[in-house]
Amino acid sequence: MPCREEETSVFWIDTDHELAAAVASWDDCVGLDTEFIRTDTFYPIPGLYQVASGKQVFLLDPLTIEDWQPFCEFLTDGTKVKVMHACQEDLELINHHLKITPANIFDTQFANAFVRSDYSLSYANLVRQVVDVDLQKQETRSNWLQRPLTEEQMVYAADDVIYLVPMYEALTKALSANGRLTWFGEDMAGRGSYVEPDPGAYFAEVKRAWQLSGRELARLQTLCRWRENAARHFDMPRNRIVWDDHLMNLATREHVDAAELNELLPRAIARKYGNAMLDAHAKGNAEPPPKPLNKPLSTGQNARVKALRSLAGEKAEQLGMAPELLARRKDVEACLRYYAENTALSEHYAGWRKDLVGAQFLQILSG
């Protein structure tokens, strides 16, 4: 298999003037990727932006560039196509660092799922399948904040974007040939954006939270909301603030004072955050309880989910597409719960999926 084309030109961009000039030279369709570090922080720390335009790759240095306006204007221009691979974490980084939401994103990993059976194919494997190029060893654990970057890092960074536009062209052709370009576009409209989660929503993800009473759930919500805001404020991972298990323990107690807090929490945590946690606990005793969380499915409901997933998986196999697009358990469960309340298909199955499995889903759901 061929390796990376040697005629590719790589440009290191580390000044505002160079960035403006680079953006002005880009095509209307570019490959885009990011490198970042996220080990001891809540938010990802940008280490590099990569943009491929034609046979040129531009490596943008976020450690020195200050004026990102030209880049932001390009990313938010809906007439420009930004081709990415597995874009969710990259969009989160861009949202936090540049405070924007890019427009017109094409995710090659997601697009491939509409024409092949692989849902989460890696970039290197997709490059091999679509453009018949075997990439060199990946620099997956590099320190992207070091300067200068190593030769291996530079090669990896360029390889990560130079094949995105060729894959976009091949995948768009395949999607059109299969009549699935509209399907992909419908799903990509939601997938191609990032909105920072509501701090008050995390409590629903805590293990065993569904077992709590309404008042206990209210306390867990206010405690989790405080922890989310603290993690973002101090830019620290959640568990560096306080563990989920500690918050669950506090949520089950109607009254907590400073002395009890010192017994329930590690001493350093109680000393640093004790007063704030007591305030959050008190708010949970005063605020209206949130909507009850979903309980685990019953045996009968699980049987229906299994039937729905089997039907959808068979349909996906017939179409030669990734089964996760039709039969992901999370989506099927949500559809079952939605039907129980509304006797209708969930939004996920009300679009292009309705024509494929809608009637059969309704037959199973109605019993």
Protein backbone atom coordinates (compact mmCIF):
# COMPACT_ATOMS: atom_id res chain seq x y z
CA MET A 1 0.00 0.00 0.00
CA PRO A 2 1.23 3.52 -0.66
CA CYS A 3 2.36 5.75 2.17
CA ARG A 4 1.75 9.45 2.63
CA GLU A 5 2.30 11.46 -0.54
CA GLU A 6 5.63 13.21 -0.30
CA GLU A 7 4.53 16.27 -2.27
CA THR A 8 2.42 17.43 0.66
CA SER A 9 3.64 20.79 1.98
CA VAL A 10 3.42 21.35 5.74
CA PHE A 11 3.37 24.88 7.17
CA TRP A 12 3.89 25.76 10.84
CA ILE A 13 1.66 28.71 11.74
CA ASP A 14 2.42 30.47 15.03
CA THR A 15 1.64 34.17 14.49
CA ASP A 16 -1.59 36.11 13.97
CA HIS A 17 -0.38 37.40 10.58
CA GLU A 18 0.50 33.92 9.35
CA LEU A 19 -2.88 32.59 10.47
CA ALA A 20 -4.80 35.29 8.60
CA ALA A 21 -2.78 34.65 5.44
CA ALA A 22 -3.24 30.89 5.73
CA VAL A 23 -7.02 31.11 6.18
CA ALA A 24 -7.28 33.35 3.11
CA SER A 25 -5.61 30.65 1.02
CA TRP A 26 -7.83 27.74 2.03
CA ASP A 27 -10.22 25.90 -0.28
CA ASP A 28 -13.96 25.76 0.34
CA CYS A 29 -13.55 22.19 1.63
CA VAL A 30 -10.82 21.41 4.16
CA GLY A 31 -9.78 18.65 6.51
CA LEU A 32 -9.78 19.65 10.19
CA ASP A 33 -8.46 17.99 13.33
CA THR A 34 -7.17 18.94 16.78
CA GLU A 35 -4.66 17.60 19.27
CA PHE A 36 -5.12 18.24 22.96
CA ILE A 37 -4.21 17.16 26.47
CA ARG A 38 -6.85 16.21 29.03
CA THR A 39 -5.46 14.41 32.04
CA ASP A 40 -5.63 16.74 35.04
CA THR A 41 -8.22 19.24 33.81
CA PHE A 42 -11.97 19.37 33.25
CA TYR A 43 -11.58 21.04 29.87
CA PRO A 44 -9.24 19.87 27.10
CA ILE A 45 -6.09 21.98 26.64
CA PRO A 46 -5.49 22.72 22.94
CA GLY A 47 -2.10 21.63 21.69
CA LEU A 48 -2.53 21.93 17.91
CA TYR A 49 -5.04 22.60 15.16
CA GLN A 50 -4.47 20.90 11.81
CA VAL A 51 -6.06 22.02 8.56
CA ALA A 52 -5.56 20.37 5.17
CA SER A 53 -6.35 22.34 2.03
CA GLY A 54 -5.46 20.66 -1.23
CA LYS A 55 -1.90 19.35 -0.95
CA GLN A 56 -1.06 21.74 1.89
CA VAL A 57 -1.27 21.12 5.63
CA PHE A 58 -1.30 23.98 8.11
CA LEU A 59 -0.37 23.30 11.73
CA LEU A 60 -1.76 26.10 13.92
CA ASP A 61 -0.06 26.73 17.27
CA PRO A 62 -2.59 27.62 20.00
CA LEU A 63 0.25 28.35 22.42
CA THR A 64 1.32 31.49 20.54
CA ILE A 65 -1.53 32.63 18.27
CA GLU A 66 -3.73 35.26 19.91
CA ASP A 67 -6.10 36.55 17.22
CA TRP A 68 -8.25 33.64 16.13
CA GLN A 69 -10.93 35.71 14.38
CA PRO A 70 -10.04 34.68 10.78
CA PHE A 71 -10.05 31.03 11.80
CA CYS A 72 -13.35 31.39 13.68
CA GLU A 73 -14.98 33.12 10.72
CA PHE A 74 -13.91 30.28 8.45
CA LEU A 75 -15.17 27.60 10.84
CA THR A 76 -18.58 29.25 11.25
CA ASP A 77 -19.01 29.91 7.51
CA GLY A 78 -21.74 27.53 6.38
CA THR A 79 -20.52 27.64 2.77
CA LYS A 80 -17.22 26.00 3.78
CA VAL A 81 -17.12 22.24 4.40
CA LYS A 82 -15.07 21.11 7.39
CA VAL A 83 -14.25 17.41 7.14
CA MET A 84 -13.45 15.72 10.46
CA HIS A 85 -13.19 12.20 11.85
CA ALA A 86 -15.03 11.34 15.09
CA CYS A 87 -15.64 15.03 15.66
CA GLN A 88 -17.32 15.17 19.09
CA GLU A 89 -14.26 15.79 21.28
CA ASP A 90 -12.80 18.18 18.72
CA LEU A 91 -16.01 20.21 18.71
CA GLU A 92 -15.93 20.33 22.51
CA LEU A 93 -12.39 21.69 22.40
CA ILE A 94 -13.32 24.32 19.81
CA ASN A 95 -16.37 25.33 21.83
CA HIS A 96 -14.33 25.85 24.99
CA HIS A 97 -11.22 27.40 23.42
CA LEU A 98 -12.73 29.53 20.65
CA LYS A 99 -16.31 29.94 21.99
CA ILE A 100 -17.84 29.01 18.63
CA THR A 101 -19.76 26.18 17.00
CA PRO A 102 -18.39 25.29 13.53
CA ALA A 103 -20.90 25.01 10.71
CA ASN A 104 -21.17 22.42 7.92
CA ILE A 105 -19.26 19.55 9.53
CA PHE A 106 -18.83 16.25 7.68
CA ASP A 107 -17.76 13.40 9.97
CA THR A 108 -16.02 10.64 7.97
CA GLN A 109 -16.38 8.03 10.71
CA PHE A 110 -20.12 8.63 10.93
CA ALA A 111 -20.60 8.83 7.16
CA ASN A 112 -18.84 5.49 6.73
CA ALA A 113 -21.42 3.86 9.04
CA PHE A 114 -24.11 4.57 6.43
CA VAL A 115 -22.31 2.62 3.70
CA ARG A 116 -20.38 -0.04 5.66
CA SER A 117 -21.06 -2.17 8.72
CA ASP A 118 -18.38 -0.52 10.90
CA TYR A 119 -19.75 2.17 13.23
CA SER A 120 -16.58 3.32 14.99
CA LEU A 121 -13.83 2.61 12.49
CA SER A 122 -10.54 4.27 13.41
CA TYR A 123 -9.07 6.96 11.21
CA ALA A 124 -6.13 4.77 10.14
CA ASN A 125 -8.39 1.85 9.20
CA LEU A 126 -10.79 4.10 7.32
CA VAL A 127 -7.92 5.66 5.37
CA ARG A 128 -6.77 2.15 4.48
CA GLN A 129 -10.24 1.11 3.32
CA VAL A 130 -11.29 4.25 1.47
CA VAL A 131 -8.12 5.67 -0.10
CA ASP A 132 -5.82 2.63 0.13
CA VAL A 133 -3.10 4.30 2.18
CA ASP A 134 -1.29 2.61 5.06
CA LEU A 135 -0.43 5.22 7.69
CA GLN A 136 2.70 5.14 9.78
CA LYS A 137 2.66 4.33 13.51
CA GLN A 138 0.30 6.62 15.38
CA GLU A 139 1.48 9.08 18.07
CA THR A 140 -1.50 8.46 20.32
CA ARG A 141 0.16 9.38 23.63
CA SER A 142 2.21 12.39 22.60
CA ASN A 143 2.69 15.53 24.63
CA TRP A 144 1.16 18.06 22.25
CA LEU A 145 2.07 20.97 24.52
CA GLN A 146 5.82 20.47 24.13
CA ARG A 147 7.77 22.73 21.77
CA PRO A 148 9.24 22.05 19.38
CA LEU A 149 7.16 19.08 18.28
CA THR A 150 9.11 16.04 17.19
CA GLU A 151 9.40 14.98 13.57
CA GLU A 152 7.15 12.01 14.36
CA GLN A 153 4.50 14.31 15.82
CA MET A 154 4.61 16.55 12.76
CA VAL A 155 4.17 13.57 10.42
CA TYR A 156 1.31 12.22 12.53
CA ALA A 157 -0.39 15.62 12.66
CA ALA A 158 -0.21 16.00 8.88
CA ASP A 159 -1.39 12.44 8.24
CA ASP A 160 -4.40 13.07 10.46
CA VAL A 161 -5.89 15.57 8.03
CA ILE A 162 -4.39 15.15 4.55
CA TYR A 163 -6.74 12.29 3.64
CA LEU A 164 -9.93 13.76 5.05
CA VAL A 165 -11.04 15.60 1.91
CA PRO A 166 -10.33 12.60 -0.39
CA MET A 167 -12.37 10.44 2.00
CA TYR A 168 -15.13 13.07 2.03
CA GLU A 169 -15.31 12.89 -1.76
CA ALA A 170 -15.37 9.08 -1.81
CA LEU A 171 -17.91 8.79 1.00
CA THR A 172 -20.19 11.46 -0.47
CA LYS A 173 -20.17 9.53 -3.74
CA ALA A 174 -21.02 6.30 -1.92
CA LEU A 175 -23.77 7.95 0.13
CA SER A 176 -25.32 9.40 -3.04
CA ALA A 177 -25.08 6.09 -4.89
CA ASN A 178 -26.92 4.35 -2.05
CA GLY A 179 -29.53 7.09 -1.70
CA ARG A 180 -28.42 7.83 1.87
CA LEU A 181 -26.94 11.29 1.63
CA THR A 182 -30.15 12.79 3.02
CA TRP A 183 -30.18 10.28 5.88
CA PHE A 184 -26.64 11.16 6.81
CA GLY A 185 -27.34 14.89 6.53
CA GLU A 186 -30.37 14.59 8.81
CA ASP A 187 -28.34 12.92 11.56
CA MET A 188 -25.23 15.03 11.00
CA ALA A 189 -27.21 18.22 11.61
CA GLY A 190 -27.39 17.28 15.29
CA ARG A 191 -24.12 15.42 15.57
CA GLY A 192 -22.11 18.26 14.04
CA SER A 193 -22.65 20.68 16.92
CA TYR A 194 -21.65 20.83 20.57
CA VAL A 195 -23.50 22.41 23.46
CA GLU A 196 -21.97 22.28 26.93
CA PRO A 197 -24.18 20.09 29.14
CA ASP A 198 -26.43 21.68 31.76
CA PRO A 199 -24.67 21.42 35.17
CA GLY A 200 -28.01 20.42 36.64
CA ALA A 201 -28.34 17.36 34.41
CA TYR A 202 -25.36 15.28 35.56
CA PHE A 203 -27.17 13.77 38.57
CA ALA A 204 -29.14 11.51 36.22
CA GLU A 205 -25.89 9.78 35.21
CA VAL A 206 -24.91 8.81 38.74
CA LYS A 207 -25.02 5.06 39.32
CA ARG A 208 -28.10 3.90 41.26
CA ALA A 209 -29.57 7.41 41.35
CA TRP A 210 -32.89 5.96 40.12
CA GLN A 211 -33.26 4.26 43.51
CA LEU A 212 -33.52 7.58 45.40
CA SER A 213 -36.74 9.18 46.61
CA GLY A 214 -37.86 12.52 45.19
CA ARG A 215 -36.31 14.55 48.01
CA GLU A 216 -33.08 12.52 47.92
CA LEU A 217 -32.94 13.07 44.17
CA ALA A 218 -33.34 16.82 44.69
CA ARG A 219 -30.38 16.81 47.07
CA LEU A 220 -28.30 14.77 44.64
CA GLN A 221 -29.13 17.20 41.85
CA THR A 222 -28.07 20.28 43.81
CA LEU A 223 -24.90 18.56 45.02
CA CYS A 224 -24.00 17.45 41.50
CA ARG A 225 -24.77 20.90 40.11
CA TRP A 226 -22.43 22.45 42.65
CA ARG A 227 -19.71 19.89 41.80
CA GLU A 228 -20.12 20.46 38.05
CA ASN A 229 -19.77 24.22 38.46
CA ALA A 230 -16.79 23.79 40.79
CA ALA A 231 -15.05 21.43 38.35
CA ARG A 232 -15.52 23.93 35.53
CA HIS A 233 -14.48 26.89 37.68
CA PHE A 234 -11.30 25.24 38.96
CA ASP A 235 -10.81 23.31 35.68
CA MET A 236 -10.43 20.01 37.51
CA PRO A 237 -11.82 16.52 36.80
CA ARG A 238 -15.01 15.79 38.74
CA ASN A 239 -13.43 13.10 40.89
CA ARG A 240 -10.69 15.51 41.95
CA ILE A 241 -13.43 17.59 43.57
CA VAL A 242 -15.47 14.81 45.19
CA TRP A 243 -16.60 11.33 44.13
CA ASP A 244 -20.08 10.39 42.96
CA ASP A 245 -20.34 7.90 45.84
CA HIS A 246 -19.79 10.68 48.38
CA LEU A 247 -22.54 12.77 46.79
CA MET A 248 -24.90 9.80 46.79
CA ASN A 249 -24.19 9.22 50.49
CA LEU A 250 -24.92 12.84 51.33
CA ALA A 251 -28.08 12.85 49.21
CA THR A 252 -29.61 10.07 51.30
CA ARG A 253 -29.24 12.09 54.53
CA GLU A 254 -31.96 14.54 55.44
CA HIS A 255 -29.68 16.61 57.66
CA VAL A 256 -25.88 16.97 57.58
CA ASP A 257 -23.66 19.23 59.67
CA ALA A 258 -19.95 20.06 59.53
CA ALA A 259 -19.01 17.34 62.02
CA GLU A 260 -20.77 14.64 59.97
CA LEU A 261 -19.22 15.97 56.80
CA ASN A 262 -15.76 15.51 58.28
CA GLU A 263 -16.62 11.88 58.97
CA LEU A 264 -18.18 11.19 55.58
CA LEU A 265 -15.56 12.85 53.36
CA PRO A 266 -11.77 12.79 53.07
CA ARG A 267 -10.48 15.46 55.43
CA ALA A 268 -8.91 17.63 52.70
CA ILE A 269 -12.14 17.62 50.69
CA ALA A 270 -14.27 18.50 53.71
CA ARG A 271 -11.92 21.32 54.65
CA LYS A 272 -11.82 22.82 51.15
CA TYR A 273 -15.42 22.36 50.01
CA GLY A 274 -17.38 21.61 53.18
CA ASN A 275 -19.30 24.88 53.46
CA ALA A 276 -20.23 24.85 49.77
CA MET A 277 -21.44 21.27 50.01
CA LEU A 278 -23.56 22.03 53.06
CA ASP A 279 -25.14 24.91 51.16
CA ALA A 280 -25.85 22.63 48.18
CA HIS A 281 -27.35 20.00 50.47
CA ALA A 282 -29.62 22.62 52.08
CA LYS A 283 -30.78 23.81 48.64
CA GLY A 284 -31.71 20.24 47.82
CA ASN A 285 -34.00 20.20 50.85
CA ALA A 286 -35.76 23.34 49.60
CA GLU A 287 -36.00 22.90 45.81
CA PRO A 288 -38.83 20.99 44.09
CA PRO A 289 -37.87 17.37 43.34
CA PRO A 290 -36.87 16.66 39.73
CA LYS A 291 -38.77 14.25 37.52
CA PRO A 292 -38.20 10.63 38.68
CA LEU A 293 -35.45 8.81 36.81
CA ASN A 294 -36.11 5.78 34.67
CA LYS A 295 -36.05 2.48 36.51
CA PRO A 296 -34.38 -0.57 34.94
CA LEU A 297 -36.55 -2.26 32.37
CA SER A 298 -38.78 -5.15 33.38
CA THR A 299 -38.34 -8.65 31.97
CA GLY A 300 -41.16 -8.02 29.50
CA GLN A 301 -39.72 -4.68 28.42
CA ASN A 302 -36.28 -6.22 27.93
CA ALA A 303 -37.85 -8.88 25.73
CA ARG A 304 -39.38 -6.18 23.55
CA VAL A 305 -36.09 -4.30 23.36
CA LYS A 306 -34.42 -7.53 22.25
CA ALA A 307 -37.04 -8.03 19.56
CA LEU A 308 -36.74 -4.45 18.34
CA ARG A 309 -32.94 -4.63 18.21
CA SER A 310 -33.05 -7.95 16.37
CA LEU A 311 -35.43 -6.57 13.76
CA ALA A 312 -33.42 -3.37 13.31
CA GLY A 313 -30.11 -5.25 13.19
CA GLU A 314 -31.40 -7.52 10.43
CA LYS A 315 -32.55 -4.48 8.44
CA ALA A 316 -29.15 -2.83 8.83
CA GLU A 317 -27.42 -6.01 7.66
CA GLN A 318 -29.67 -6.15 4.59
CA LEU A 319 -28.71 -2.56 3.78
CA GLY A 320 -25.00 -3.08 4.44
CA MET A 321 -24.88 -0.34 7.07
CA ALA A 322 -23.73 -0.25 10.69
CA PRO A 323 -26.34 -1.85 12.98
CA GLU A 324 -25.78 0.92 15.56
CA LEU A 325 -27.57 3.35 13.26
CA LEU A 326 -30.80 1.42 13.69
CA ALA A 327 -30.36 -0.89 16.68
CA ARG A 328 -28.25 0.82 19.33
CA ARG A 329 -29.62 -0.29 22.70
CA LYS A 330 -29.73 3.24 24.13
CA ASP A 331 -31.88 4.44 21.23
CA VAL A 332 -34.18 1.44 21.26
CA GLU A 333 -34.73 1.68 25.03
CA ALA A 334 -35.52 5.37 24.69
CA CYS A 335 -38.03 4.58 21.95
CA LEU A 336 -39.74 1.96 24.14
CA ARG A 337 -40.01 4.38 27.06
CA TYR A 338 -41.28 7.17 24.79
CA TYR A 339 -43.92 4.89 23.31
CA ALA A 340 -45.10 3.91 26.80
CA GLU A 341 -45.89 7.57 27.52
CA ASN A 342 -46.96 8.84 24.09
CA THR A 343 -47.97 5.75 21.99
CA ALA A 344 -45.71 7.06 19.22
CA LEU A 345 -42.19 6.52 17.98
CA SER A 346 -39.42 8.57 19.54
CA GLU A 347 -37.88 11.38 17.53
CA HIS A 348 -34.89 9.18 16.71
CA TYR A 349 -37.16 6.76 14.85
CA ALA A 350 -39.53 9.34 13.40
CA GLY A 351 -37.17 10.54 10.63
CA TRP A 352 -35.59 8.44 7.87
CA ARG A 353 -35.61 5.39 10.16
CA LYS A 354 -39.41 5.38 10.18
CA ASP A 355 -39.60 4.21 6.57
CA LEU A 356 -37.20 1.35 7.33
CA VAL A 357 -38.46 -0.03 10.65
CA GLY A 358 -41.28 2.23 11.87
CA ALA A 359 -44.24 -0.03 11.09
CA GLN A 360 -42.56 -3.12 12.55
CA PHE A 361 -41.48 -1.17 15.64
CA LEU A 362 -45.03 -0.01 16.27
CA GLN A 363 -46.32 -3.56 15.89
CA ILE A 364 -43.87 -4.86 18.53
CA LEU A 365 -44.36 -1.89 20.85
CA SER A 366 -48.14 -2.19 20.73
CA GLY A 367 -47.88 -5.83 21.78
